[in-house]
Amino acid sequence: MAIIGIDLGTTNSLVSVFRNGKVELIPNQFGECLTPSVVGLSEENTIIVGKTAKERLVTHSNKTVASYKQFMGSSKVFKLGKDKFQAEDLSSFVLKQLKEDAEKYLNEEVEEAIISVPAYFNDLQRVATRNAGILAGLKVDRILNEPSAAALAYREKQNQDGLFIVFDFGGGTLDISLVEIFGNIVDIIAVSGDNHLGGDDIDAALIEAFLLENKLSMDKISIKNKAILKRKLEQAKIELSEKDEIEVEVFLDDKAYGMKLDHQKETVICAEILGKIRNALEQVLRDGQRTIQEIDKIICVGGSTKSKMVQEYLRYLTEIEPEDSIHPDEAIAYGIGVATGIKNRDEEIKDMILTDICPFTLGVGVVNDIYSPIISRNTSLPTSRNREYVSTKDRQKSINFRIYQGEYMEASRNLLLDEVSIDVPPLPKGEARAKVTFSYDLNGLLDVDIESLDTGTKISKLVVLNKQLKQEEIDERAKVLSRIKIENSNDAQKEYLMAKAQSIYEEVPPYLKNDVLNRLQEFVVKYEGLNYSDRAKAIQDFGAFLDSYQAFDTGLKKEYYN
């Protein structure tokens, strides 16, 4: 039975296979490789997937859904008529269609797939993707990061060594990876990105500008007219990548509205989006401790990289010509096809090695809501790390571990994955000990081992099964976020530095996290215990330490707008 590779995209999805020594992209029922990731419901209450469903976005907007990928792993509900679905349900319909297309093309049954996900997908989103595959009747042992797949595609097609940035800008997500390719090894060094930034955001910005210019209000526009607006502005965005200036004309309830659009105007409208792209580039270079001058090429994948605005901005920022030797829409699917060949141990590529990394820090919450990292962001996978912890109260009978994923210093602000307790002997405070071991595999799934070092009791290989957040948990997290706002103006400088430290802590490479945390704790102790003049010195020293991180020059240009 064949193993297929699936690029489950926000806008389009593709399926591939490795056979006869090469990757083949599998066509759908229309003879096209791209299947729109759109799901609809017919009048007979049957599911419609792909090109046909996309055509019904305007005409049957209450029975058609698109751009749901970014909500994988969430509790958001999508309505198709009277029926309700979650994002993983909708994804399973697309996966099932791709599976059927593959079986027809290959003339054999397909039961296993490797599915791609954005590198910045958290565990909730990865497990939801796996669940979608299971719902579609597929065995999914491997989840592959999209930029890693793109790097595999580049290695297979170009066979060039070097240090590369894989810039993956799709319909709903941005993924940037720092990759080194040498010989048969594709080594992922660092990843950065934004799970809620993509071509859909460019469309939304253009729609907002169109409404403003025509003195229209989104609240007063029907669902159907919203779908018309989105389609027209999306077409305008695509057209603007080939022309210098266009005229956008939209008919809403038989009345014509228009807007002139050129590259300069589009750039101003999308300034916030471009700024987020720059921030993600800065982060991946900082995490990898590289400057842009060390990068050999920028490999562009994802449909949104075809935008002339995005290409010009990348060219300006980096002074590197974006690489387009592999088709942006097909690169990830091609790379996953290579991955299926590696998994199958095909003779032509059996010696190729792909390393991957942990995209988020994993750790536990300790006393005073402090986050204690165990596996740091950008650690090579697979990996296993452990730390020891002690009781915090006299005669404590158990130690409770709340397991988190994220970069915030306050444990409760991160994504709660699970909660585990282990019994310990009732000893004086600080004497009962427990060792926590995290093992993280290439699929991005976490196993947890907890051992009482006093009794030898173990909770072994506890797989953290990520459950979808319930509404009450979402509400509770909102309360936590509101409580962290500092309102005491008497210590404004201290509060500013602590906020700045928190921001930097989330950005710094893993090996600097403990340094930032230790210096912050040291600063707080000094600040609380010193007189006025010594307190000023503590502020000065800690401020200089924080500035030293931001002083690192990645080589990216800083000015773009005038």
Protein backbone atom coordinates (compact mmCIF):
# COMPACT_ATOMS: atom_id res chain seq x y z
CA MET A 1 0.00 0.00 0.00
CA ALA A 2 1.27 3.46 -0.91
CA ILE A 3 2.31 6.22 1.51
CA ILE A 4 1.29 9.65 0.31
CA GLY A 5 2.44 13.13 1.32
CA ILE A 6 -0.17 15.84 1.90
CA ASP A 7 0.31 19.60 2.01
CA LEU A 8 -2.80 20.63 3.93
CA GLY A 9 -2.84 24.34 3.11
CA THR A 10 -4.99 27.29 4.13
CA THR A 11 -5.85 28.17 0.54
CA ASN A 12 -4.98 25.06 -1.45
CA SER A 13 -3.98 21.48 -0.62
CA LEU A 14 -1.85 19.06 -2.64
CA VAL A 15 -0.95 15.36 -2.51
CA SER A 16 2.24 13.67 -3.69
CA VAL A 17 3.94 10.28 -3.85
CA PHE A 18 7.51 9.04 -4.35
CA ARG A 19 7.74 6.25 -6.91
CA ASN A 20 10.00 5.19 -9.77
CA GLY A 21 12.82 7.22 -8.24
CA LYS A 22 11.03 10.58 -8.27
CA VAL A 23 8.27 12.68 -6.72
CA GLU A 24 4.92 12.83 -8.51
CA LEU A 25 2.28 15.44 -7.74
CA ILE A 26 -1.11 13.74 -7.94
CA PRO A 27 -3.86 15.49 -9.91
CA ASN A 28 -7.40 15.80 -8.63
CA GLN A 29 -10.57 15.03 -10.53
CA PHE A 30 -10.09 18.21 -12.59
CA GLY A 31 -6.59 17.17 -13.63
CA GLU A 32 -5.09 19.91 -11.43
CA CYS A 33 -2.58 19.55 -8.60
CA LEU A 34 -4.08 22.34 -6.49
CA THR A 35 -7.27 21.46 -4.61
CA PRO A 36 -8.81 24.52 -2.91
CA SER A 37 -9.16 23.93 0.84
CA VAL A 38 -12.82 24.88 0.72
CA VAL A 39 -15.68 22.79 2.08
CA GLY A 40 -19.34 23.24 1.27
CA LEU A 41 -22.69 21.60 1.78
CA SER A 42 -24.96 20.82 -1.17
CA GLU A 43 -28.73 21.08 -1.25
CA GLU A 44 -28.80 17.31 -0.71
CA ASN A 45 -26.69 17.74 2.46
CA THR A 46 -23.59 16.13 0.94
CA ILE A 47 -20.09 17.53 1.44
CA ILE A 48 -18.46 19.34 -1.48
CA VAL A 49 -14.68 19.79 -1.43
CA GLY A 50 -12.31 21.83 -3.56
CA LYS A 51 -12.84 23.74 -6.77
CA THR A 52 -16.61 23.37 -6.84
CA ALA A 53 -17.00 24.41 -3.23
CA LYS A 54 -14.81 27.47 -3.88
CA GLU A 55 -17.16 28.60 -6.62
CA ARG A 56 -20.04 28.50 -4.11
CA LEU A 57 -18.38 30.86 -1.62
CA VAL A 58 -20.39 33.78 -2.98
CA THR A 59 -23.56 32.04 -4.05
CA HIS A 60 -23.89 29.74 -1.02
CA SER A 61 -21.88 31.67 1.57
CA ASN A 62 -23.92 30.25 4.47
CA LYS A 63 -23.10 26.70 3.36
CA THR A 64 -19.42 27.11 2.43
CA VAL A 65 -16.29 27.57 4.56
CA ALA A 66 -12.70 28.51 3.73
CA SER A 67 -9.64 29.73 5.67
CA TYR A 68 -10.27 27.55 8.73
CA LYS A 69 -6.77 26.08 9.07
CA GLN A 70 -5.56 28.68 11.56
CA PHE A 71 -8.32 27.50 13.94
CA MET A 72 -7.07 23.91 14.08
CA GLY A 73 -7.04 22.73 17.69
CA SER A 74 -9.43 25.45 18.86
CA SER A 75 -13.05 25.21 19.94
CA LYS A 76 -14.27 27.51 17.15
CA VAL A 77 -17.39 26.20 15.43
CA PHE A 78 -18.13 26.65 11.72
CA LYS A 79 -21.68 26.44 10.39
CA LEU A 80 -22.61 24.78 7.12
CA GLY A 81 -26.35 25.34 6.96
CA LYS A 82 -27.72 23.77 10.12
CA ASP A 83 -24.67 21.57 10.66
CA LYS A 84 -21.74 22.55 12.89
CA PHE A 85 -18.12 21.53 12.41
CA GLN A 86 -14.73 22.24 13.89
CA ALA A 87 -11.63 22.97 11.82
CA GLU A 88 -10.33 19.40 12.09
CA ASP A 89 -13.65 18.07 10.77
CA LEU A 90 -13.44 20.35 7.74
CA SER A 91 -9.80 19.37 7.22
CA SER A 92 -10.73 15.70 7.34
CA PHE A 93 -13.10 16.22 4.39
CA VAL A 94 -10.25 17.72 2.33
CA LEU A 95 -7.89 14.90 3.37
CA LYS A 96 -10.45 12.27 2.43
CA GLN A 97 -10.86 13.85 -1.01
CA LEU A 98 -7.09 13.87 -1.53
CA LYS A 99 -6.90 10.24 -0.40
CA GLU A 100 -9.54 9.24 -2.94
CA ASP A 101 -7.75 11.20 -5.71
CA ALA A 102 -4.49 9.41 -4.85
CA GLU A 103 -6.11 5.96 -4.86
CA LYS A 104 -7.64 6.61 -8.26
CA TYR A 105 -4.33 7.90 -9.67
CA LEU A 106 -2.18 5.12 -8.18
CA ASN A 107 -4.77 2.40 -8.73
CA GLU A 108 -4.13 1.03 -5.26
CA GLU A 109 -5.35 1.54 -1.71
CA VAL A 110 -3.78 4.28 0.42
CA GLU A 111 -3.80 3.92 4.19
CA GLU A 112 -0.91 6.09 5.41
CA ALA A 113 0.12 9.71 4.93
CA ILE A 114 2.72 12.24 6.04
CA ILE A 115 0.96 15.58 6.55
CA SER A 116 2.65 18.99 6.69
CA VAL A 117 1.93 21.65 9.30
CA PRO A 118 3.32 25.14 9.88
CA ALA A 119 6.50 24.95 11.98
CA TYR A 120 4.87 27.25 14.51
CA PHE A 121 1.84 24.99 15.05
CA ASN A 122 1.58 24.10 18.73
CA ASP A 123 0.73 20.66 20.09
CA LEU A 124 -3.02 21.33 20.06
CA GLN A 125 -2.86 22.15 16.36
CA ARG A 126 -0.58 19.20 15.54
CA VAL A 127 -2.81 16.72 17.33
CA ALA A 128 -5.87 18.23 15.61
CA THR A 129 -4.12 17.70 12.26
CA ARG A 130 -3.39 14.09 13.15
CA ASN A 131 -7.01 13.64 14.25
CA ALA A 132 -8.19 15.04 10.92
CA GLY A 133 -6.10 12.40 9.17
CA ILE A 134 -7.56 9.65 11.32
CA LEU A 135 -11.10 10.90 10.58
CA ALA A 136 -10.23 10.71 6.88
CA GLY A 137 -9.22 7.06 7.22
CA LEU A 138 -5.46 7.67 7.17
CA LYS A 139 -2.71 6.43 9.44
CA VAL A 140 -0.57 9.46 10.33
CA ASP A 141 2.69 8.47 12.03
CA ARG A 142 4.61 11.53 10.87
CA ILE A 143 3.85 15.24 10.94
CA LEU A 144 6.37 17.34 8.96
CA ASN A 145 7.01 21.06 9.34
CA GLU A 146 6.26 22.94 6.11
CA PRO A 147 9.60 24.80 5.84
CA SER A 148 11.41 21.50 6.42
CA ALA A 149 9.48 20.01 3.51
CA ALA A 150 10.40 23.01 1.36
CA ALA A 151 14.07 22.57 2.27
CA LEU A 152 13.87 18.91 1.22
CA ALA A 153 12.36 19.97 -2.09
CA TYR A 154 15.15 22.48 -2.70
CA ARG A 155 17.82 19.91 -1.83
CA GLU A 156 16.28 17.36 -4.17
CA LYS A 157 15.77 19.76 -7.09
CA GLN A 158 18.89 21.97 -6.82
CA ASN A 159 21.39 19.83 -4.88
CA GLN A 160 23.21 22.92 -3.56
CA ASP A 161 24.95 23.25 -0.21
CA GLY A 162 24.70 26.43 1.83
CA LEU A 163 22.93 28.42 4.51
CA PHE A 164 19.38 29.31 3.53
CA ILE A 165 16.28 31.04 4.79
CA VAL A 166 13.08 29.22 3.87
CA PHE A 167 10.40 31.92 3.71
CA ASP A 168 7.01 30.20 3.72
CA PHE A 169 4.17 32.72 3.42
CA GLY A 170 0.83 31.06 2.73
CA GLY A 171 -2.80 31.98 2.94
CA GLY A 172 -3.05 31.98 6.73
CA THR A 173 0.39 31.36 8.24
CA LEU A 174 3.96 32.66 8.07
CA ASP A 175 6.86 30.25 8.69
CA ILE A 176 10.51 31.21 8.45
CA SER A 177 13.28 28.65 8.94
CA LEU A 178 17.05 28.95 9.02
CA VAL A 179 18.37 25.87 7.23
CA GLU A 180 21.82 24.52 6.47
CA ILE A 181 22.16 21.98 3.64
CA PHE A 182 25.37 19.99 3.25
CA GLY A 183 25.61 16.74 1.32
CA ASN A 184 22.68 14.51 2.21
CA ILE A 185 21.90 16.40 5.43
CA VAL A 186 19.20 19.06 5.72
CA ASP A 187 19.72 20.69 9.13
CA ILE A 188 17.03 22.96 10.58
CA ILE A 189 18.78 25.51 12.84
CA ALA A 190 15.98 27.83 13.95
CA VAL A 191 12.34 28.61 13.19
CA SER A 192 10.16 31.67 13.59
CA GLY A 193 6.77 32.73 12.34
CA ASP A 194 3.17 33.71 12.97
CA ASN A 195 0.25 31.27 12.91
CA HIS A 196 -2.15 34.13 12.19
CA LEU A 197 -0.47 36.00 9.35
CA GLY A 198 -0.88 35.26 5.67
CA GLY A 199 -2.42 36.24 2.39
CA ASP A 200 -5.84 36.40 4.03
CA ASP A 201 -4.54 39.31 6.13
CA ILE A 202 -3.45 41.17 2.98
CA ASP A 203 -6.96 40.62 1.60
CA ALA A 204 -8.49 41.91 4.85
CA ALA A 205 -6.29 45.03 4.81
CA LEU A 206 -7.25 45.79 1.20
CA ILE A 207 -10.94 45.25 2.01
CA GLU A 208 -10.71 47.63 4.96
CA ALA A 209 -9.06 50.28 2.76
CA PHE A 210 -11.72 49.79 0.07
CA LEU A 211 -14.54 50.21 2.58
CA LEU A 212 -12.94 53.32 4.08
CA GLU A 213 -12.41 54.94 0.68
CA ASN A 214 -16.00 54.22 -0.36
CA LYS A 215 -17.48 55.23 3.01
CA LEU A 216 -18.95 51.78 3.61
CA SER A 217 -19.33 49.92 6.91
CA MET A 218 -18.55 46.21 7.23
CA ASP A 219 -21.36 45.86 9.78
CA LYS A 220 -23.95 46.93 7.21
CA ILE A 221 -22.81 44.58 4.43
CA SER A 222 -24.53 41.24 3.88
CA ILE A 223 -22.67 37.94 4.12
CA LYS A 224 -22.95 37.54 0.36
CA ASN A 225 -21.50 41.00 -0.33
CA LYS A 226 -18.64 40.29 2.07
CA ALA A 227 -17.82 37.20 0.01
CA ILE A 228 -17.96 39.28 -3.18
CA LEU A 229 -15.62 41.88 -1.69
CA LYS A 230 -13.12 39.26 -0.58
CA ARG A 231 -13.05 37.59 -3.97
CA LYS A 232 -12.65 40.90 -5.85
CA LEU A 233 -9.87 42.20 -3.62
CA GLU A 234 -8.10 38.84 -3.70
CA GLN A 235 -8.19 38.98 -7.50
CA ALA A 236 -6.90 42.56 -7.36
CA LYS A 237 -3.99 41.47 -5.18
CA ILE A 238 -3.03 38.76 -7.67
CA GLU A 239 -3.41 41.12 -10.63
CA LEU A 240 -1.24 43.74 -8.95
CA SER A 241 1.67 41.28 -8.93
CA GLU A 242 1.73 41.57 -12.72
CA LYS A 243 0.70 45.20 -13.26
CA ASP A 244 1.86 48.54 -11.86
CA GLU A 245 -1.63 49.94 -11.32
CA ILE A 246 -5.16 48.58 -11.45
CA GLU A 247 -8.72 49.81 -11.04
CA VAL A 248 -10.84 47.78 -8.63
CA GLU A 249 -14.56 47.86 -9.35
CA VAL A 250 -17.09 46.06 -7.18
CA PHE A 251 -20.86 45.88 -7.52
CA LEU A 252 -22.73 45.57 -4.25
CA ASP A 253 -26.51 45.43 -4.50
CA ASP A 254 -26.26 46.70 -8.08
CA LYS A 255 -24.31 49.79 -7.06
CA ALA A 256 -20.76 50.27 -8.33
CA TYR A 257 -17.86 51.11 -6.02
CA GLY A 258 -14.23 51.56 -7.02
CA MET A 259 -10.67 52.14 -5.89
CA LYS A 260 -7.39 52.72 -7.70
CA LEU A 261 -4.55 50.58 -6.43
CA ASP A 262 -0.82 50.65 -7.14
CA HIS A 263 2.25 49.17 -5.45
CA GLN A 264 2.94 52.17 -3.26
CA LYS A 265 -0.64 52.31 -2.02
CA GLU A 266 -0.71 48.55 -1.38
CA THR A 267 2.52 48.84 0.61
CA VAL A 268 1.12 51.62 2.80
CA ILE A 269 -2.11 49.67 3.37
CA CYS A 270 -0.12 46.55 4.34
CA ALA A 271 2.55 48.33 6.40
CA GLU A 272 1.62 46.48 9.60
CA ILE A 273 1.80 43.11 7.85
CA LEU A 274 5.23 43.90 6.39
CA GLY A 275 6.40 44.96 9.84
CA LYS A 276 5.41 41.56 11.26
CA ILE A 277 7.35 39.86 8.46
CA ARG A 278 10.44 41.85 9.40
CA ASN A 279 10.04 40.94 13.09
CA ALA A 280 9.87 37.23 12.24
CA LEU A 281 13.02 37.52 10.09
CA GLU A 282 14.81 39.30 12.93
CA GLN A 283 13.84 36.56 15.37
CA VAL A 284 15.02 33.63 13.25
CA LEU A 285 18.39 35.35 12.63
CA ARG A 286 18.81 36.18 16.32
CA ASP A 287 17.87 32.66 17.41
CA GLY A 288 20.33 31.19 14.92
CA GLN A 289 22.95 33.87 15.76
CA ARG A 290 23.45 34.64 12.06
CA THR A 291 23.45 37.88 10.09
CA ILE A 292 21.71 38.30 6.77
CA GLN A 293 25.13 38.63 5.11
CA GLU A 294 25.80 34.96 5.93
CA ILE A 295 22.69 33.76 4.08
CA ASP A 296 23.28 32.31 0.63
CA LYS A 297 19.69 32.32 -0.62
CA ILE A 298 16.10 33.00 0.44
CA ILE A 299 13.85 30.17 -0.74
CA CYS A 300 10.30 31.46 -1.20
CA VAL A 301 7.39 29.05 -0.88
CA GLY A 302 3.67 29.54 -0.32
CA GLY A 303 1.23 31.34 -2.58
CA SER A 304 1.59 34.72 -0.89
CA THR A 305 5.28 34.94 -1.83
CA LYS A 306 4.15 35.48 -5.42
CA SER A 307 3.06 38.97 -4.36
CA LYS A 308 5.29 41.61 -5.95
CA MET A 309 4.94 43.70 -2.80
CA VAL A 310 6.27 40.87 -0.61
CA GLN A 311 9.14 40.10 -3.01
CA GLU A 312 10.20 43.75 -3.22
CA TYR A 313 10.10 44.08 0.55
CA LEU A 314 12.24 40.96 1.02
CA ARG A 315 14.65 42.21 -1.64
CA TYR A 316 14.95 45.56 0.15
CA LEU A 317 15.35 44.10 3.64
CA THR A 318 17.94 41.49 2.76
CA GLU A 319 19.55 42.65 -0.51
CA ILE A 320 19.11 39.03 -1.66
CA GLU A 321 17.17 38.08 -4.76
CA PRO A 322 14.32 35.73 -3.68
CA GLU A 323 14.83 32.21 -5.03
CA ASP A 324 11.97 30.93 -7.17
CA SER A 325 13.49 27.86 -8.80
CA ILE A 326 10.81 25.67 -7.19
CA HIS A 327 7.14 26.52 -7.66
CA PRO A 328 5.87 28.34 -4.52
CA ASP A 329 2.54 26.49 -4.55
CA GLU A 330 4.10 23.05 -5.07
CA ALA A 331 7.33 23.15 -3.05
CA ILE A 332 5.92 21.80 0.23
CA ALA A 333 4.00 18.97 -1.45
CA TYR A 334 7.13 18.06 -3.41
CA GLY A 335 9.20 17.99 -0.21
CA ILE A 336 6.67 15.81 1.59
CA GLY A 337 6.86 13.47 -1.39
CA VAL A 338 10.61 13.23 -0.75
CA ALA A 339 9.85 12.51 2.92
CA THR A 340 7.59 9.60 1.96
CA GLY A 341 10.48 8.18 -0.10
CA ILE A 342 12.82 8.50 2.89
CA LYS A 343 10.26 6.76 5.12
CA ASN A 344 9.89 3.98 2.54
CA ARG A 345 13.69 3.65 2.33
CA ASP A 346 13.62 4.13 -1.45
CA GLU A 347 17.05 3.41 -2.88
CA GLU A 348 17.49 6.83 -4.50
CA ILE A 349 17.11 8.85 -1.29
CA LYS A 350 17.40 6.39 1.61
CA ASP A 351 20.60 8.08 2.87
CA MET A 352 19.12 11.57 3.08
CA ILE A 353 18.82 12.92 6.63
CA LEU A 354 16.43 15.64 7.80
CA THR A 355 16.90 17.12 11.24
CA ASP A 356 14.15 19.11 12.91
CA ILE A 357 13.72 21.25 16.00
CA CYS A 358 11.25 21.98 18.75
CA PRO A 359 9.43 25.19 17.72
CA PHE A 360 8.28 26.12 21.25
CA THR A 361 9.74 25.86 24.75
CA LEU A 362 8.27 23.06 26.89
CA GLY A 363 8.33 23.20 30.66
CA VAL A 364 6.40 23.15 33.93
CA GLY A 365 4.95 25.78 36.21
CA VAL A 366 6.60 26.17 39.61
CA VAL A 367 5.99 28.32 42.70
CA ASN A 368 4.82 31.91 42.19
CA ASP A 369 3.65 31.10 38.63
CA ILE A 370 7.23 30.96 37.31
CA TYR A 371 7.76 28.97 34.11
CA SER A 372 10.58 26.42 34.37
CA PRO A 373 11.77 25.37 30.86
CA ILE A 374 12.84 21.75 30.35
CA ILE A 375 13.18 21.61 26.55
CA SER A 376 14.05 24.96 25.01
CA ARG A 377 12.82 26.33 21.71
CA ASN A 378 14.96 25.32 18.70
CA THR A 379 16.34 22.20 20.42
CA SER A 380 17.16 19.49 17.85
CA LEU A 381 14.72 16.56 17.72
CA PRO A 382 14.32 13.89 18.88
CA THR A 383 15.45 14.88 22.36
CA SER A 384 15.05 13.95 26.01
CA ARG A 385 15.76 16.39 28.86
CA ASN A 386 15.11 16.31 32.60
CA ARG A 387 15.11 18.58 35.66
CA GLU A 388 14.69 17.95 39.38
CA TYR A 389 12.17 19.72 41.61
CA VAL A 390 11.52 19.81 45.36
CA SER A 391 8.51 20.23 47.62
CA THR A 392 7.56 23.77 48.63
CA LYS A 393 5.67 23.02 51.86
CA ASP A 394 6.29 21.03 55.03
CA ARG A 395 4.88 17.49 54.98
CA GLN A 396 3.65 17.87 51.43
CA LYS A 397 2.12 14.58 50.23
CA SER A 398 2.29 15.15 46.48
CA ILE A 399 3.87 17.41 43.87
CA ASN A 400 1.65 18.68 41.08
CA PHE A 401 3.17 19.49 37.70
CA ARG A 402 1.34 21.69 35.21
CA ILE A 403 2.91 21.16 31.79
CA TYR A 404 3.09 24.14 29.46
CA GLN A 405 4.23 25.08 25.97
CA GLY A 406 5.27 28.65 25.18
CA GLU A 407 7.72 31.47 25.79
CA TYR A 408 6.13 33.58 28.57
CA MET A 409 7.86 33.90 31.95
CA GLU A 410 4.53 33.55 33.79
CA ALA A 411 3.59 29.88 33.48
CA SER A 412 -0.15 30.55 33.29
CA ARG A 413 0.22 32.71 30.17
CA ASN A 414 1.54 29.74 28.20
CA LEU A 415 -0.50 26.95 26.60
CA LEU A 416 -1.49 24.40 29.25
CA LEU A 417 -0.97 20.90 27.85
CA ASP A 418 -1.68 18.67 30.83
CA GLU A 419 -1.45 18.32 34.61
CA VAL A 420 0.20 15.43 36.46
CA SER A 421 0.69 14.70 40.19
CA ILE A 422 3.04 12.26 41.89
CA ASP A 423 2.97 11.15 45.55
CA VAL A 424 6.01 12.02 47.68
CA PRO A 425 6.86 11.27 51.33
CA PRO A 426 5.70 13.97 53.82
CA LEU A 427 9.13 15.49 54.49
CA PRO A 428 10.16 19.00 55.54
CA LYS A 429 9.93 21.73 52.90
CA GLY A 430 12.52 21.35 50.13
CA GLU A 431 13.48 17.75 50.95
CA ALA A 432 10.99 15.70 48.89
CA ARG A 433 12.38 15.44 45.36
CA ALA A 434 10.97 14.52 41.96
CA LYS A 435 12.61 14.26 38.53
CA VAL A 436 10.66 15.25 35.42
CA THR A 437 11.82 13.97 32.03
CA PHE A 438 10.43 15.30 28.76
CA SER A 439 10.94 13.28 25.56
CA TYR A 440 9.96 15.01 22.32
CA ASP A 441 9.94 13.15 19.02
CA LEU A 442 10.16 14.11 15.35
CA ASN A 443 6.38 14.27 15.12
CA GLY A 444 6.26 17.00 17.73
CA LEU A 445 4.54 14.80 20.30
CA LEU A 446 5.55 14.89 23.96
CA ASP A 447 6.06 12.05 26.45
CA VAL A 448 6.49 12.81 30.15
CA ASP A 449 8.19 10.66 32.83
CA ILE A 450 7.96 11.68 36.49
CA GLU A 451 9.90 9.87 39.24
CA SER A 452 9.89 10.36 43.00
CA LEU A 453 13.59 10.28 43.90
CA ASP A 454 12.70 9.37 47.50
CA THR A 455 10.44 6.37 46.90
CA GLY A 456 11.37 5.35 43.35
CA THR A 457 7.73 5.57 42.27
CA LYS A 458 7.40 6.39 38.57
CA ILE A 459 4.74 7.63 36.25
CA SER A 460 6.28 6.37 33.04
CA LYS A 461 5.78 7.36 29.43
CA LEU A 462 2.73 9.42 30.12
CA VAL A 463 1.76 10.76 26.70
CA VAL A 464 0.41 14.28 26.97
CA LEU A 465 -2.79 14.04 24.97
CA ASN A 466 -3.78 17.59 24.13
CA LYS A 467 -7.42 18.26 24.72
CA GLN A 468 -9.19 21.17 23.10
CA LEU A 469 -9.56 24.16 25.37
CA LYS A 470 -13.00 24.48 26.89
CA GLN A 471 -14.73 27.85 27.01
CA GLU A 472 -14.21 28.14 30.76
CA GLU A 473 -10.47 27.59 30.27
CA ILE A 474 -10.39 30.31 27.63
CA ASP A 475 -12.24 32.65 29.99
CA GLU A 476 -9.82 31.79 32.80
CA ARG A 477 -6.80 32.56 30.60
CA ALA A 478 -8.38 35.92 29.71
CA LYS A 479 -8.64 36.70 33.43
CA VAL A 480 -4.97 35.80 33.90
CA LEU A 481 -3.94 38.13 31.08
CA SER A 482 -5.96 40.99 32.54
CA ARG A 483 -4.36 40.51 35.96
CA ILE A 484 -0.79 40.92 34.69
CA LYS A 485 -1.30 44.59 33.79
CA ILE A 486 0.76 46.78 36.12
CA GLU A 487 -1.02 49.88 37.39
CA ASN A 488 1.33 51.09 40.14
CA SER A 489 2.89 54.27 38.70
CA ASN A 490 5.24 54.72 41.68
CA ASP A 491 7.59 52.08 40.23
CA ALA A 492 7.15 52.94 36.56
CA GLN A 493 10.81 52.41 35.61
CA LYS A 494 10.93 49.05 37.32
CA GLU A 495 7.69 47.99 35.68
CA TYR A 496 8.97 49.11 32.30
CA LEU A 497 12.17 47.08 32.63
CA MET A 498 10.28 44.01 33.81
CA ALA A 499 7.92 44.29 30.85
CA LYS A 500 10.88 44.76 28.52
CA ALA A 501 12.63 41.75 30.04
CA GLN A 502 9.52 39.68 29.53
CA SER A 503 9.34 40.72 25.89
CA ILE A 504 13.02 39.95 25.33
CA TYR A 505 12.70 36.62 27.18
CA GLU A 506 10.16 35.48 24.60
CA GLU A 507 12.51 36.36 21.73
CA VAL A 508 15.94 35.32 22.93
CA PRO A 509 17.65 32.09 21.84
CA PRO A 510 17.10 29.19 24.27
CA TYR A 511 20.60 29.38 25.75
CA LEU A 512 19.98 32.99 26.89
CA LYS A 513 16.63 32.37 28.61
CA ASN A 514 18.06 31.37 31.98
CA ASP A 515 20.45 34.34 31.89
CA VAL A 516 17.58 36.77 31.36
CA LEU A 517 15.49 35.09 34.06
CA ASN A 518 18.37 35.07 36.56
CA ARG A 519 19.22 38.72 35.89
CA LEU A 520 15.57 39.68 36.28
CA GLN A 521 15.29 37.91 39.63
CA GLU A 522 18.57 39.50 40.73
CA PHE A 523 17.29 42.93 39.72
CA VAL A 524 14.01 42.52 41.64
CA VAL A 525 15.90 41.50 44.81
CA LYS A 526 18.28 44.47 44.55
CA TYR A 527 15.50 46.92 43.74
CA GLU A 528 13.39 45.91 46.73
CA GLY A 529 16.26 45.96 49.19
CA LEU A 530 18.31 49.05 48.32
CA ASN A 531 18.08 52.78 49.09
CA TYR A 532 17.16 55.35 46.45
CA SER A 533 20.63 55.89 44.95
CA ASP A 534 21.48 52.17 44.85
CA ARG A 535 18.07 51.47 43.34
CA ALA A 536 18.86 53.87 40.51
CA LYS A 537 22.11 51.98 39.90
CA ALA A 538 20.20 48.66 39.78
CA ILE A 539 17.86 50.13 37.19
CA GLN A 540 20.79 51.41 35.13
CA ASP A 541 22.64 48.08 35.20
CA PHE A 542 19.61 45.98 34.36
CA GLY A 543 18.59 48.37 31.58
CA ALA A 544 22.09 48.12 30.08
CA PHE A 545 21.90 44.33 30.19
CA LEU A 546 18.58 44.32 28.31
CA ASP A 547 19.90 46.82 25.76
CA SER A 548 22.89 44.58 25.08
CA TYR A 549 20.61 41.91 23.62
CA GLN A 550 18.77 44.33 21.35
CA ALA A 551 22.09 45.77 20.17
CA PHE A 552 22.85 42.56 18.24
CA ASP A 553 22.89 43.59 14.57
CA THR A 554 21.40 41.01 12.20
CA GLY A 555 22.34 43.07 9.14
CA LEU A 556 18.75 43.73 8.03
CA LYS A 557 18.04 47.28 6.90
CA LYS A 558 15.86 49.26 9.27
CA GLU A 559 14.24 52.01 7.16
CA TYR A 560 11.69 51.37 4.46
CA TYR A 561 8.88 53.94 4.61
CA ASN A 562 9.24 57.69 4.28
